PDB file of N, CA and C in Angstrom:
ATOM      1  N   MET A   1       0.837  -1.181  -0.009  1.00  0.00           N
ATOM      2  CA  MET A   1      -0.002   0.001   0.004  1.00  0.00           C
ATOM      3  C   MET A   1       0.884   1.223  -0.014  1.00  0.00           C
ATOM      4  N   SER A   2       0.581   2.282  -0.748  1.00  0.00           N
ATOM      5  CA  SER A   2       1.392   3.445  -0.896  1.00  0.00           C
ATOM      6  C   SER A   2       1.336   4.233   0.373  1.00  0.00           C
ATOM      7  N   ALA A   3       2.357   5.089   0.588  1.00  0.00           N
ATOM      8  CA  ALA A   3       2.440   5.895   1.776  1.00  0.00           C
ATOM      9  C   ALA A   3       1.319   6.908   1.818  1.00  0.00           C
ATOM     10  N   GLY A   4       0.908   7.489   0.712  1.00  0.00           N
ATOM     11  CA  GLY A   4      -0.213   8.379   0.670  1.00  0.00           C
ATOM     12  C   GLY A   4      -1.528   7.735   1.065  1.00  0.00           C
ATOM     13  N   ARG A   5      -1.743   6.524   0.627  1.00  0.00           N
ATOM     14  CA  ARG A   5      -2.948   5.787   0.948  1.00  0.00           C
ATOM     15  C   ARG A   5      -2.966   5.415   2.406  1.00  0.00           C
ATOM     16  N   MET A   6      -1.789   5.034   2.950  1.00  0.00           N
ATOM     17  CA  MET A   6      -1.690   4.723   4.406  1.00  0.00           C
ATOM     18  C   MET A   6      -2.044   5.921   5.238  1.00  0.00           C
ATOM     19  N   ARG A   7      -1.548   7.119   4.838  1.00  0.00           N
ATOM     20  CA  ARG A   7      -1.919   8.324   5.555  1.00  0.00           C
ATOM     21  C   ARG A   7      -3.400   8.629   5.567  1.00  0.00           C
ATOM     22  N   ARG A   8      -4.022   8.448   4.355  1.00  0.00           N
ATOM     23  CA  ARG A   8      -5.461   8.625   4.282  1.00  0.00           C
ATOM     24  C   ARG A   8      -6.210   7.640   5.142  1.00  0.00           C
ATOM     25  N   VAL A   9      -5.794   6.402   5.152  1.00  0.00           N
ATOM     26  CA  VAL A   9      -6.435   5.390   6.017  1.00  0.00           C
ATOM     27  C   VAL A   9      -6.271   5.742   7.477  1.00  0.00           C
ATOM     28  N   ASP A  10      -5.056   6.158   7.909  1.00  0.00           N
ATOM     29  CA  ASP A  10      -4.756   6.564   9.273  1.00  0.00           C
ATOM     30  C   ASP A  10      -5.604   7.720   9.681  1.00  0.00           C
ATOM     31  N   GLU A  11      -5.748   8.709   8.811  1.00  0.00           N
ATOM     32  CA  GLU A  11      -6.547   9.924   9.107  1.00  0.00           C
ATOM     33  C   GLU A  11      -8.026   9.569   9.166  1.00  0.00           C
ATOM     34  N   ALA A  12      -8.516   8.724   8.310  1.00  0.00           N
ATOM     35  CA  ALA A  12      -9.921   8.286   8.386  1.00  0.00           C
ATOM     36  C   ALA A  12     -10.217   7.592   9.685  1.00  0.00           C
ATOM     37  N   ILE A  13      -9.320   6.738  10.098  1.00  0.00           N
ATOM     38  CA  ILE A  13      -9.516   5.946  11.379  1.00  0.00           C
ATOM     39  C   ILE A  13      -9.479   6.991  12.531  1.00  0.00           C
ATOM     40  N   ARG A  14      -8.535   7.936  12.487  1.00  0.00           N
ATOM     41  CA  ARG A  14      -8.414   8.948  13.551  1.00  0.00           C
ATOM     42  C   ARG A  14      -9.691   9.738  13.689  1.00  0.00           C
ATOM     43  N   GLU A  15     -10.314  10.136  12.539  1.00  0.00           N
ATOM     44  CA  GLU A  15     -11.533  10.893  12.550  1.00  0.00           C
ATOM     45  C   GLU A  15     -12.715  10.131  13.159  1.00  0.00           C
ATOM     46  N   VAL A  16     -12.842   8.870  12.736  1.00  0.00           N
ATOM     47  CA  VAL A  16     -13.949   8.066  13.249  1.00  0.00           C
ATOM     48  C   VAL A  16     -13.764   7.795  14.730  1.00  0.00           C
ATOM     49  N   LEU A  17     -12.579   7.516  15.184  1.00  0.00           N
ATOM     50  CA  LEU A  17     -12.348   7.285  16.619  1.00  0.00           C
ATOM     51  C   LEU A  17     -12.540   8.585  17.432  1.00  0.00           C
ATOM     52  N   SER A  18     -12.092   9.694  16.918  1.00  0.00           N
ATOM     53  CA  SER A  18     -12.289  10.974  17.599  1.00  0.00           C
ATOM     54  C   SER A  18     -13.747  11.241  17.805  1.00  0.00           C
ATOM     55  N   ASP A  19     -14.584  10.991  16.754  1.00  0.00           N
ATOM     56  CA  ASP A  19     -15.962  11.227  16.919  1.00  0.00           C
ATOM     57  C   ASP A  19     -16.586  10.303  17.918  1.00  0.00           C
ATOM     58  N   ALA A  20     -16.168   9.055  17.852  1.00  0.00           N
ATOM     59  CA  ALA A  20     -16.721   7.997  18.800  1.00  0.00           C
ATOM     60  C   ALA A  20     -16.406   8.338  20.239  1.00  0.00           C
ATOM     61  N   VAL A  21     -15.158   8.729  20.488  1.00  0.00           N
ATOM     62  CA  VAL A  21     -14.710   9.076  21.842  1.00  0.00           C
ATOM     63  C   VAL A  21     -15.391  10.384  22.274  1.00  0.00           C
ATOM     64  N   GLY A  22     -15.442  11.361  21.352  1.00  0.00           N
ATOM     65  CA  GLY A  22     -16.061  12.658  21.640  1.00  0.00           C
ATOM     66  C   GLY A  22     -17.485  12.565  21.993  1.00  0.00           C
ATOM     67  N   GLU A  23     -18.190  11.648  21.429  1.00  0.00           N
ATOM     68  CA  GLU A  23     -19.637  11.521  21.650  1.00  0.00           C
ATOM     69  C   GLU A  23     -19.840  10.830  23.050  1.00  0.00           C
ATOM     70  N   GLY A  24     -18.825  10.377  23.626  1.00  0.00           N
ATOM     71  CA  GLY A  24     -18.882   9.846  25.004  1.00  0.00           C
ATOM     72  C   GLY A  24     -19.103   8.372  25.071  1.00  0.00           C
ATOM     73  N   LEU A  25     -18.103   7.696  25.513  1.00  0.00           N
ATOM     74  CA  LEU A  25     -18.251   6.308  25.864  1.00  0.00           C
ATOM     75  C   LEU A  25     -18.725   6.206  27.287  1.00  0.00           C
ATOM     76  N   LYS A  26     -19.484   5.189  27.664  1.00  0.00           N
ATOM     77  CA  LYS A  26     -20.152   5.145  28.937  1.00  0.00           C
ATOM     78  C   LYS A  26     -19.196   4.683  30.097  1.00  0.00           C
ATOM     79  N   ASP A  27     -18.016   4.320  29.775  1.00  0.00           N
ATOM     80  CA  ASP A  27     -17.071   3.877  30.792  1.00  0.00           C
ATOM     81  C   ASP A  27     -16.591   5.071  31.639  1.00  0.00           C
ATOM     82  N   PRO A  28     -16.842   5.026  32.960  1.00  0.00           N
ATOM     83  CA  PRO A  28     -16.444   6.156  33.824  1.00  0.00           C
ATOM     84  C   PRO A  28     -14.905   6.358  33.923  1.00  0.00           C
ATOM     85  N   ARG A  29     -14.164   5.402  33.507  1.00  0.00           N
ATOM     86  CA  ARG A  29     -12.671   5.538  33.576  1.00  0.00           C
ATOM     87  C   ARG A  29     -12.184   6.502  32.521  1.00  0.00           C
ATOM     88  N   ILE A  30     -12.940   6.678  31.460  1.00  0.00           N
ATOM     89  CA  ILE A  30     -12.453   7.438  30.286  1.00  0.00           C
ATOM     90  C   ILE A  30     -12.754   8.942  30.615  1.00  0.00           C
ATOM     91  N   GLY A  31     -11.652   9.659  30.640  1.00  0.00           N
ATOM     92  CA  GLY A  31     -11.716  11.075  30.913  1.00  0.00           C
ATOM     93  C   GLY A  31     -11.757  11.877  29.636  1.00  0.00           C
ATOM     94  N   PHE A  32     -11.200  13.108  29.673  1.00  0.00           N
ATOM     95  CA  PHE A  32     -11.124  13.954  28.509  1.00  0.00           C
ATOM     96  C   PHE A  32      -9.995  13.454  27.642  1.00  0.00           C
ATOM     97  N   VAL A  33     -10.342  12.957  26.507  1.00  0.00           N
ATOM     98  CA  VAL A  33      -9.376  12.278  25.601  1.00  0.00           C
ATOM     99  C   VAL A  33      -9.380  12.965  24.253  1.00  0.00           C
ATOM    100  N   THR A  34      -8.181  13.104  23.657  1.00  0.00           N
ATOM    101  CA  THR A  34      -8.025  13.586  22.308  1.00  0.00           C
ATOM    102  C   THR A  34      -7.212  12.575  21.527  1.00  0.00           C
ATOM    103  N   VAL A  35      -7.765  12.081  20.414  1.00  0.00           N
ATOM    104  CA  VAL A  35      -7.032  11.157  19.553  1.00  0.00           C
ATOM    105  C   VAL A  35      -6.132  12.012  18.692  1.00  0.00           C
ATOM    106  N   THR A  36      -4.798  11.811  18.857  1.00  0.00           N
ATOM    107  CA  THR A  36      -3.863  12.675  18.159  1.00  0.00           C
ATOM    108  C   THR A  36      -3.317  12.102  16.870  1.00  0.00           C
ATOM    109  N   ASP A  37      -3.199  10.733  16.835  1.00  0.00           N
ATOM    110  CA  ASP A  37      -2.589  10.106  15.633  1.00  0.00           C
ATOM    111  C   ASP A  37      -2.952   8.616  15.627  1.00  0.00           C
ATOM    112  N   VAL A  38      -2.823   8.069  14.429  1.00  0.00           N
ATOM    113  CA  VAL A  38      -3.041   6.627  14.243  1.00  0.00           C
ATOM    114  C   VAL A  38      -1.962   6.135  13.315  1.00  0.00           C
ATOM    115  N   LYS A  39      -1.381   5.034  13.700  1.00  0.00           N
ATOM    116  CA  LYS A  39      -0.353   4.385  12.836  1.00  0.00           C
ATOM    117  C   LYS A  39      -0.900   2.951  12.605  1.00  0.00           C
ATOM    118  N   THR A  40      -1.191   2.659  11.331  1.00  0.00           N
ATOM    119  CA  THR A  40      -1.715   1.328  10.967  1.00  0.00           C
ATOM    120  C   THR A  40      -0.632   0.521  10.297  1.00  0.00           C
ATOM    121  N   SER A  41      -0.598  -0.716  10.579  1.00  0.00           N
ATOM    122  CA  SER A  41       0.326  -1.640   9.953  1.00  0.00           C
ATOM    123  C   SER A  41      -0.017  -1.804   8.500  1.00  0.00           C
ATOM    124  N   PRO A  42       0.968  -2.059   7.606  1.00  0.00           N
ATOM    125  CA  PRO A  42       0.730  -2.153   6.188  1.00  0.00           C
ATOM    126  C   PRO A  42      -0.352  -3.141   5.785  1.00  0.00           C
ATOM    127  N   ASP A  43      -0.516  -4.234   6.543  1.00  0.00           N
ATOM    128  CA  ASP A  43      -1.521  -5.210   6.240  1.00  0.00           C
ATOM    129  C   ASP A  43      -2.869  -4.920   6.835  1.00  0.00           C
ATOM    130  N   LEU A  44      -3.008  -3.762   7.465  1.00  0.00           N
ATOM    131  CA  LEU A  44      -4.282  -3.287   8.105  1.00  0.00           C
ATOM    132  C   LEU A  44      -4.776  -4.208   9.192  1.00  0.00           C
ATOM    133  N   ARG A  45      -3.968  -5.003   9.801  1.00  0.00           N
ATOM    134  CA  ARG A  45      -4.385  -5.884  10.877  1.00  0.00           C
ATOM    135  C   ARG A  45      -4.283  -5.191  12.249  1.00  0.00           C
ATOM    136  N   HIS A  46      -3.427  -4.264  12.368  1.00  0.00           N
ATOM    137  CA  HIS A  46      -3.217  -3.580  13.649  1.00  0.00           C
ATOM    138  C   HIS A  46      -3.174  -2.047  13.464  1.00  0.00           C
ATOM    139  N   ALA A  47      -3.676  -1.328  14.439  1.00  0.00           N
ATOM    140  CA  ALA A  47      -3.587   0.118  14.457  1.00  0.00           C
ATOM    141  C   ALA A  47      -3.229   0.576  15.865  1.00  0.00           C
ATOM    142  N   ARG A  48      -2.199   1.350  15.946  1.00  0.00           N
ATOM    143  CA  ARG A  48      -1.823   1.925  17.215  1.00  0.00           C
ATOM    144  C   ARG A  48      -2.465   3.363  17.240  1.00  0.00           C
ATOM    145  N   VAL A  49      -3.293   3.570  18.260  1.00  0.00           N
ATOM    146  CA  VAL A  49      -4.015   4.839  18.405  1.00  0.00           C
ATOM    147  C   VAL A  49      -3.384   5.672  19.486  1.00  0.00           C
ATOM    148  N   PHE A  50      -2.855   6.834  19.142  1.00  0.00           N
ATOM    149  CA  PHE A  50      -2.199   7.679  20.100  1.00  0.00           C
ATOM    150  C   PHE A  50      -3.206   8.733  20.627  1.00  0.00           C
ATOM    151  N   VAL A  51      -3.243   8.846  21.931  1.00  0.00           N
ATOM    152  CA  VAL A  51      -4.149   9.726  22.615  1.00  0.00           C
ATOM    153  C   VAL A  51      -3.507  10.592  23.653  1.00  0.00           C
ATOM    154  N   THR A  52      -4.065  11.769  23.877  1.00  0.00           N
ATOM    155  CA  THR A  52      -3.623  12.569  25.031  1.00  0.00           C
ATOM    156  C   THR A  52      -4.804  12.613  25.981  1.00  0.00           C
ATOM    157  N   VAL A  53      -4.498  12.664  27.273  1.00  0.00           N
ATOM    158  CA  VAL A  53      -5.478  12.657  28.327  1.00  0.00           C
ATOM    159  C   VAL A  53      -5.229  13.753  29.284  1.00  0.00           C
ATOM    160  N   LEU A  54      -6.290  14.501  29.586  1.00  0.00           N
ATOM    161  CA  LEU A  54      -6.190  15.580  30.562  1.00  0.00           C
ATOM    162  C   LEU A  54      -6.178  14.917  31.968  1.00  0.00           C
ATOM    163  N   GLY A  55      -5.123  15.221  32.727  1.00  0.00           N
ATOM    164  CA  GLY A  55      -5.051  14.673  34.120  1.00  0.00           C
ATOM    165  C   GLY A  55      -3.735  14.098  34.443  1.00  0.00           C
ATOM    166  N   ASP A  56      -3.648  13.561  35.635  1.00  0.00           N
ATOM    167  CA  ASP A  56      -2.397  12.960  36.104  1.00  0.00           C
ATOM    168  C   ASP A  56      -2.167  11.580  35.607  1.00  0.00           C
ATOM    169  N   GLN A  57      -1.085  10.948  36.068  1.00  0.00           N
ATOM    170  CA  GLN A  57      -0.690   9.626  35.544  1.00  0.00           C
ATOM    171  C   GLN A  57      -1.801   8.598  35.856  1.00  0.00           C
ATOM    172  N   ASP A  58      -2.372   8.610  37.027  1.00  0.00           N
ATOM    173  CA  ASP A  58      -3.482   7.668  37.405  1.00  0.00           C
ATOM    174  C   ASP A  58      -4.637   7.799  36.439  1.00  0.00           C
ATOM    175  N   ARG A  59      -4.958   9.103  36.102  1.00  0.00           N
ATOM    176  CA  ARG A  59      -6.097   9.310  35.207  1.00  0.00           C
ATOM    177  C   ARG A  59      -5.791   8.817  33.797  1.00  0.00           C
ATOM    178  N   ARG A  60      -4.527   8.989  33.360  1.00  0.00           N
ATOM    179  CA  ARG A  60      -4.103   8.517  32.051  1.00  0.00           C
ATOM    180  C   ARG A  60      -4.231   6.994  31.985  1.00  0.00           C
ATOM    181  N   ASP A  61      -3.685   6.314  33.038  1.00  0.00           N
ATOM    182  CA  ASP A  61      -3.750   4.877  33.031  1.00  0.00           C
ATOM    183  C   ASP A  61      -5.164   4.369  33.030  1.00  0.00           C
ATOM    184  N   ALA A  62      -6.022   4.979  33.849  1.00  0.00           N
ATOM    185  CA  ALA A  62      -7.436   4.530  33.866  1.00  0.00           C
ATOM    186  C   ALA A  62      -8.098   4.779  32.508  1.00  0.00           C
ATOM    187  N   THR A  63      -7.812   5.859  31.910  1.00  0.00           N
ATOM    188  CA  THR A  63      -8.423   6.154  30.591  1.00  0.00           C
ATOM    189  C   THR A  63      -7.945   5.223  29.563  1.00  0.00           C
ATOM    190  N   LEU A  64      -6.643   4.858  29.527  1.00  0.00           N
ATOM    191  CA  LEU A  64      -6.129   3.857  28.596  1.00  0.00           C
ATOM    192  C   LEU A  64      -6.770   2.504  28.770  1.00  0.00           C
ATOM    193  N   GLU A  65      -6.987   2.121  30.060  1.00  0.00           N
ATOM    194  CA  GLU A  65      -7.650   0.853  30.339  1.00  0.00           C
ATOM    195  C   GLU A  65      -9.064   0.876  29.824  1.00  0.00           C
ATOM    196  N   GLY A  66      -9.789   2.000  30.042  1.00  0.00           N
ATOM    197  CA  GLY A  66     -11.151   2.162  29.606  1.00  0.00           C
ATOM    198  C   GLY A  66     -11.255   2.088  28.094  1.00  0.00           C
ATOM    199  N   LEU A  67     -10.324   2.759  27.406  1.00  0.00           N
ATOM    200  CA  LEU A  67     -10.360   2.716  25.946  1.00  0.00           C
ATOM    201  C   LEU A  67     -10.067   1.287  25.403  1.00  0.00           C
ATOM    202  N   GLN A  68      -9.079   0.622  26.099  1.00  0.00           N
ATOM    203  CA  GLN A  68      -8.784  -0.736  25.619  1.00  0.00           C
ATOM    204  C   GLN A  68     -10.004  -1.665  25.895  1.00  0.00           C
ATOM    205  N   SER A  69     -10.695  -1.423  26.964  1.00  0.00           N
ATOM    206  CA  SER A  69     -11.899  -2.203  27.258  1.00  0.00           C
ATOM    207  C   SER A  69     -12.977  -1.947  26.220  1.00  0.00           C
ATOM    208  N   ALA A  70     -13.000  -0.755  25.651  1.00  0.00           N
ATOM    209  CA  ALA A  70     -14.081  -0.391  24.679  1.00  0.00           C
ATOM    210  C   ALA A  70     -13.599  -0.660  23.215  1.00  0.00           C
ATOM    211  N   HIS A  71     -12.462  -1.313  23.076  1.00  0.00           N
ATOM    212  CA  HIS A  71     -11.911  -1.485  21.689  1.00  0.00           C
ATOM    213  C   HIS A  71     -12.874  -2.258  20.762  1.00  0.00           C
ATOM    214  N   GLY A  72     -13.618  -3.196  21.319  1.00  0.00           N
ATOM    215  CA  GLY A  72     -14.587  -3.919  20.442  1.00  0.00           C
ATOM    216  C   GLY A  72     -15.670  -3.046  19.899  1.00  0.00           C
ATOM    217  N   LEU A  73     -16.187  -2.190  20.749  1.00  0.00           N
ATOM    218  CA  LEU A  73     -17.203  -1.210  20.309  1.00  0.00           C
ATOM    219  C   LEU A  73     -16.621  -0.248  19.285  1.00  0.00           C
ATOM    220  N   LEU A  74     -15.425   0.209  19.525  1.00  0.00           N
ATOM    221  CA  LEU A  74     -14.753   1.138  18.584  1.00  0.00           C
ATOM    222  C   LEU A  74     -14.443   0.437  17.268  1.00  0.00           C
ATOM    223  N   GLN A  75     -13.989  -0.810  17.345  1.00  0.00           N
ATOM    224  CA  GLN A  75     -13.772  -1.548  16.096  1.00  0.00           C
ATOM    225  C   GLN A  75     -14.984  -1.750  15.240  1.00  0.00           C
ATOM    226  N   ARG A  76     -16.123  -2.044  15.894  1.00  0.00           N
ATOM    227  CA  ARG A  76     -17.375  -2.195  15.191  1.00  0.00           C
ATOM    228  C   ARG A  76     -17.760  -0.898  14.536  1.00  0.00           C
ATOM    229  N   ARG A  77     -17.570   0.205  15.183  1.00  0.00           N
ATOM    230  CA  ARG A  77     -17.916   1.512  14.610  1.00  0.00           C
ATOM    231  C   ARG A  77     -16.986   1.782  13.407  1.00  0.00           C
ATOM    232  N   LEU A  78     -15.705   1.429  13.503  1.00  0.00           N
ATOM    233  CA  LEU A  78     -14.782   1.555  12.368  1.00  0.00           C
ATOM    234  C   LEU A  78     -15.285   0.739  11.173  1.00  0.00           C
ATOM    235  N   ALA A  79     -15.659  -0.517  11.479  1.00  0.00           N
ATOM    236  CA  ALA A  79     -16.088  -1.392  10.426  1.00  0.00           C
ATOM    237  C   ALA A  79     -17.327  -0.880   9.721  1.00  0.00           C
ATOM    238  N   ARG A  80     -18.310  -0.336  10.542  1.00  0.00           N
ATOM    239  CA  ARG A  80     -19.515   0.143   9.987  1.00  0.00           C
ATOM    240  C   ARG A  80     -19.326   1.391   9.155  1.00  0.00           C
ATOM    241  N   GLU A  81     -18.493   2.340   9.621  1.00  0.00           N
ATOM    242  CA  GLU A  81     -18.389   3.622   8.941  1.00  0.00           C
ATOM    243  C   GLU A  81     -17.373   3.617   7.813  1.00  0.00           C
ATOM    244  N   LEU A  82     -16.270   2.824   7.901  1.00  0.00           N
ATOM    245  CA  LEU A  82     -15.224   2.854   6.885  1.00  0.00           C
ATOM    246  C   LEU A  82     -15.414   1.685   5.856  1.00  0.00           C
ATOM    247  N   ARG A  83     -16.090   0.647   6.240  1.00  0.00           N
ATOM    248  CA  ARG A  83     -16.308  -0.536   5.376  1.00  0.00           C
ATOM    249  C   ARG A  83     -14.971  -0.983   4.701  1.00  0.00           C
ATOM    250  N   MET A  84     -14.017  -1.239   5.508  1.00  0.00           N
ATOM    251  CA  MET A  84     -12.708  -1.669   5.019  1.00  0.00           C
ATOM    252  C   MET A  84     -12.737  -3.217   4.895  1.00  0.00           C
ATOM    253  N   LYS A  85     -11.844  -3.757   4.090  1.00  0.00           N
ATOM    254  CA  LYS A  85     -11.743  -5.182   3.903  1.00  0.00           C
ATOM    255  C   LYS A  85     -11.400  -5.810   5.268  1.00  0.00           C
ATOM    256  N   ARG A  86     -10.436  -5.210   5.939  1.00  0.00           N
ATOM    257  CA  ARG A  86     -10.096  -5.676   7.313  1.00  0.00           C
ATOM    258  C   ARG A  86     -10.212  -4.497   8.266  1.00  0.00           C
ATOM    259  N   THR A  87     -10.778  -4.761   9.408  1.00  0.00           N
ATOM    260  CA  THR A  87     -10.771  -3.725  10.441  1.00  0.00           C
ATOM    261  C   THR A  87      -9.674  -4.019  11.426  1.00  0.00           C
ATOM    262  N   PRO A  88      -8.776  -3.050  11.587  1.00  0.00           N
ATOM    263  CA  PRO A  88      -7.592  -3.366  12.393  1.00  0.00           C
ATOM    264  C   PRO A  88      -7.927  -3.508  13.909  1.00  0.00           C
ATOM    265  N   ALA A  89      -7.159  -4.330  14.571  1.00  0.00           N
ATOM    266  CA  ALA A  89      -7.198  -4.436  16.007  1.00  0.00           C
ATOM    267  C   ALA A  89      -6.608  -3.182  16.597  1.00  0.00           C
ATOM    268  N   LEU A  90      -7.261  -2.570  17.534  1.00  0.00           N
ATOM    269  CA  LEU A  90      -6.836  -1.311  18.109  1.00  0.00           C
ATOM    270  C   LEU A  90      -5.990  -1.485  19.346  1.00  0.00           C
ATOM    271  N   GLN A  91      -4.950  -0.729  19.411  1.00  0.00           N
ATOM    272  CA  GLN A  91      -4.075  -0.690  20.603  1.00  0.00           C
ATOM    273  C   GLN A  91      -3.902   0.772  20.918  1.00  0.00           C
ATOM    274  N   PHE A  92      -4.199   1.142  22.195  1.00  0.00           N
ATOM    275  CA  PHE A  92      -4.174   2.573  22.590  1.00  0.00           C
ATOM    276  C   PHE A  92      -2.864   2.827  23.305  1.00  0.00           C
ATOM    277  N   ALA A  93      -2.272   4.019  23.008  1.00  0.00           N
ATOM    278  CA  ALA A  93      -1.021   4.393  23.632  1.00  0.00           C
ATOM    279  C   ALA A  93      -1.081   5.878  23.943  1.00  0.00           C
ATOM    280  N   TYR A  94      -0.453   6.281  25.042  1.00  0.00           N
ATOM    281  CA  TYR A  94      -0.401   7.689  25.403  1.00  0.00           C
ATOM    282  C   TYR A  94       0.584   8.407  24.513  1.00  0.00           C
ATOM    283  N   ASP A  95       0.211   9.562  23.984  1.00  0.00           N
ATOM    284  CA  ASP A  95       1.057  10.377  23.130  1.00  0.00           C
ATOM    285  C   ASP A  95       1.801  11.387  24.032  1.00  0.00           C
ATOM    286  N   GLU A  96       3.093  11.165  24.141  1.00  0.00           N
ATOM    287  CA  GLU A  96       3.874  12.009  25.026  1.00  0.00           C
ATOM    288  C   GLU A  96       4.420  13.283  24.358  1.00  0.00           C
ATOM    289  N   THR A  97       3.979  13.569  23.150  1.00  0.00           N
ATOM    290  CA  THR A  97       4.503  14.723  22.457  1.00  0.00           C
ATOM    291  C   THR A  97       4.231  16.029  23.229  1.00  0.00           C
ATOM    292  N   THR A  98       3.008  16.159  23.706  1.00  0.00           N
ATOM    293  CA  THR A  98       2.639  17.385  24.444  1.00  0.00           C
ATOM    294  C   THR A  98       3.456  17.498  25.683  1.00  0.00           C
ATOM    295  N   ASP A  99       3.669  16.441  26.415  1.00  0.00           N
ATOM    296  CA  ASP A  99       4.506  16.465  27.665  1.00  0.00           C
ATOM    297  C   ASP A  99       5.937  16.915  27.326  1.00  0.00           C
ATOM    298  N   ARG A 100       6.491  16.360  26.272  1.00  0.00           N
ATOM    299  CA  ARG A 100       7.849  16.712  25.878  1.00  0.00           C
ATOM    300  C   ARG A 100       7.902  18.194  25.489  1.00  0.00           C
ATOM    301  N   ALA A 101       6.926  18.696  24.733  1.00  0.00           N
ATOM    302  CA  ALA A 101       6.954  20.079  24.315  1.00  0.00           C
ATOM    303  C   ALA A 101       6.836  21.019  25.506  1.00  0.00           C
ATOM    304  N   MET A 102       6.016  20.617  26.504  1.00  0.00           N
ATOM    305  CA  MET A 102       5.901  21.446  27.702  1.00  0.00           C
ATOM    306  C   MET A 102       7.185  21.454  28.476  1.00  0.00           C
ATOM    307  N   HIS A 103       7.884  20.322  28.545  1.00  0.00           N
ATOM    308  CA  HIS A 103       9.157  20.209  29.227  1.00  0.00           C
ATOM    309  C   HIS A 103      10.193  21.060  28.538  1.00  0.00           C
ATOM    310  N   ILE A 104      10.251  21.024  27.206  1.00  0.00           N
ATOM    311  CA  ILE A 104      11.241  21.854  26.496  1.00  0.00           C
ATOM    312  C   ILE A 104      10.904  23.334  26.697  1.00  0.00           C
ATOM    313  N   GLU A 105       9.647  23.644  26.668  1.00  0.00           N
ATOM    314  CA  GLU A 105       9.265  25.051  26.873  1.00  0.00           C
ATOM    315  C   GLU A 105       9.707  25.536  28.242  1.00  0.00           C
ATOM    316  N   ALA A 106       9.504  24.696  29.240  1.00  0.00           N
ATOM    317  CA  ALA A 106       9.935  25.040  30.644  1.00  0.00           C
ATOM    318  C   ALA A 106      11.424  25.231  30.674  1.00  0.00           C
ATOM    319  N   LEU A 107      12.175  24.334  30.018  1.00  0.00           N
ATOM    320  CA  LEU A 107      13.666  24.481  30.034  1.00  0.00           C
ATOM    321  C   LEU A 107      14.083  25.760  29.325  1.00  0.00           C
ATOM    322  N   LEU A 108      13.448  26.128  28.190  1.00  0.00           N
ATOM    323  CA  LEU A 108      13.770  27.375  27.549  1.00  0.00           C
ATOM    324  C   LEU A 108      13.414  28.573  28.376  1.00  0.00           C
ATOM    325  N   ALA A 109      12.310  28.528  29.061  1.00  0.00           N
ATOM    326  CA  ALA A 109      11.881  29.622  29.919  1.00  0.00           C
ATOM    327  C   ALA A 109      12.942  29.794  31.095  1.00  0.00           C
ATOM    328  N   GLU A 110      13.360  28.649  31.614  1.00  0.00           N
ATOM    329  CA  GLU A 110      14.365  28.641  32.702  1.00  0.00           C
ATOM    330  C   GLU A 110      15.648  29.256  32.194  1.00  0.00           C
ATOM    331  N   ASP A 111      16.052  28.851  30.985  1.00  0.00           N
ATOM    332  CA  ASP A 111      17.313  29.396  30.374  1.00  0.00           C
ATOM    333  C   ASP A 111      17.182  30.859  30.114  1.00  0.00           C
ATOM    334  N   ASP A 112      16.026  31.297  29.685  1.00  0.00           N
ATOM    335  CA  ASP A 112      15.788  32.715  29.420  1.00  0.00           C
ATOM    336  C   ASP A 112      15.892  33.541  30.702  1.00  0.00           C
ATOM    337  N   GLU A 113      15.332  32.958  31.829  1.00  0.00           N
ATOM    338  CA  GLU A 113      15.445  33.687  33.093  1.00  0.00           C
ATOM    339  C   GLU A 113      16.882  33.804  33.588  1.00  0.00           C
ATOM    340  N   ASP A 114      17.671  32.739  33.332  1.00  0.00           N
ATOM    341  CA  ASP A 114      19.086  32.755  33.670  1.00  0.00           C
ATOM    342  C   ASP A 114      19.892  33.797  32.903  1.00  0.00           C
ATOM    343  N   ASP A 115      19.466  34.051  31.661  1.00  0.00           N
ATOM    344  CA  ASP A 115      20.158  35.005  30.830  1.00  0.00           C
ATOM    345  C   ASP A 115      19.900  36.473  31.275  1.00  0.00           C
ATOM    346  N   ARG A 116      18.756  36.643  31.914  1.00  0.00           N
ATOM    347  CA  ARG A 116      18.390  38.003  32.410  1.00  0.00           C
ATOM    348  C   ARG A 116      19.178  38.318  33.588  1.00  0.00           C
TER     349      ARG A 116
END
C-alpha cells in the first residue's frame, strides 16, 4: 500500500475514533481524551491509536484501560463507517508529544530567566 494511501487510512480511522470518543463512551474511567494520531500496519491488521489525556498519571492509566476495554465497540464502529476489507485491532497508547513540548518550553523559559 502506498504511503499516501496509508496516511489517508490513518486519518480516516483517527476521525472516526475521535468522533466516537467525543460522543462519550459510557465507561467512567475514560476522561477527557483527544485522539492525536493513528499508525496502521501495512496489512491493516493492527492500528496503534495515540491519545492525550487531561489529568495525572493515574487518570491516564485509567483512561487507557477504559479505551482498551471499549476497543470492540470502537472496532465495530470503524467497520460500519469505513467498510474496510479488514478492520484493524486497536491498541491505545499515550502520546507524550505534548508532555515533551511542555518540558522543552519550561527548560527554555528557565534558560531565558538565567540570561536576564
